[in-house]
Amino acid sequence: MQPRILKVTVLTNQRLNLLYSNSESVVVDLGRVIRVGNLAAALADESFIRKVKISHGGGALLWPNGLEFCADALRMQGEKITESESLSITTLTH
């Protein structure tokens, strides 16, 4: 079974820190998928990024406009980080 997302933390600059069920942590840059005129364009707004939810079972990230990213694809695209790096990353304040 593929690792599932347990926790998502919204970071600055359209990035997410994802913690997986295998204890792996990755940072994903959503800026690479933002294109004008598609569902992902809403991710240009950091207040919209903060509306992210983890799907039941942790197989995807979901947003209110129907945008969905597969946990496996995000893990492959993301940059793996250590626990100490994860703790030192700057997060957005609410």
Foldseek 3Di string as FASTA:
>chain_A
DDWFWDDWAAAPQQKIWTQTPVRWIFIARLVVVQDPPDPSVVSVDVVQVVQWDQDVVRQWIAGPVGDIDGPVVRVVRTDIDDPVVVVPGHGDDD
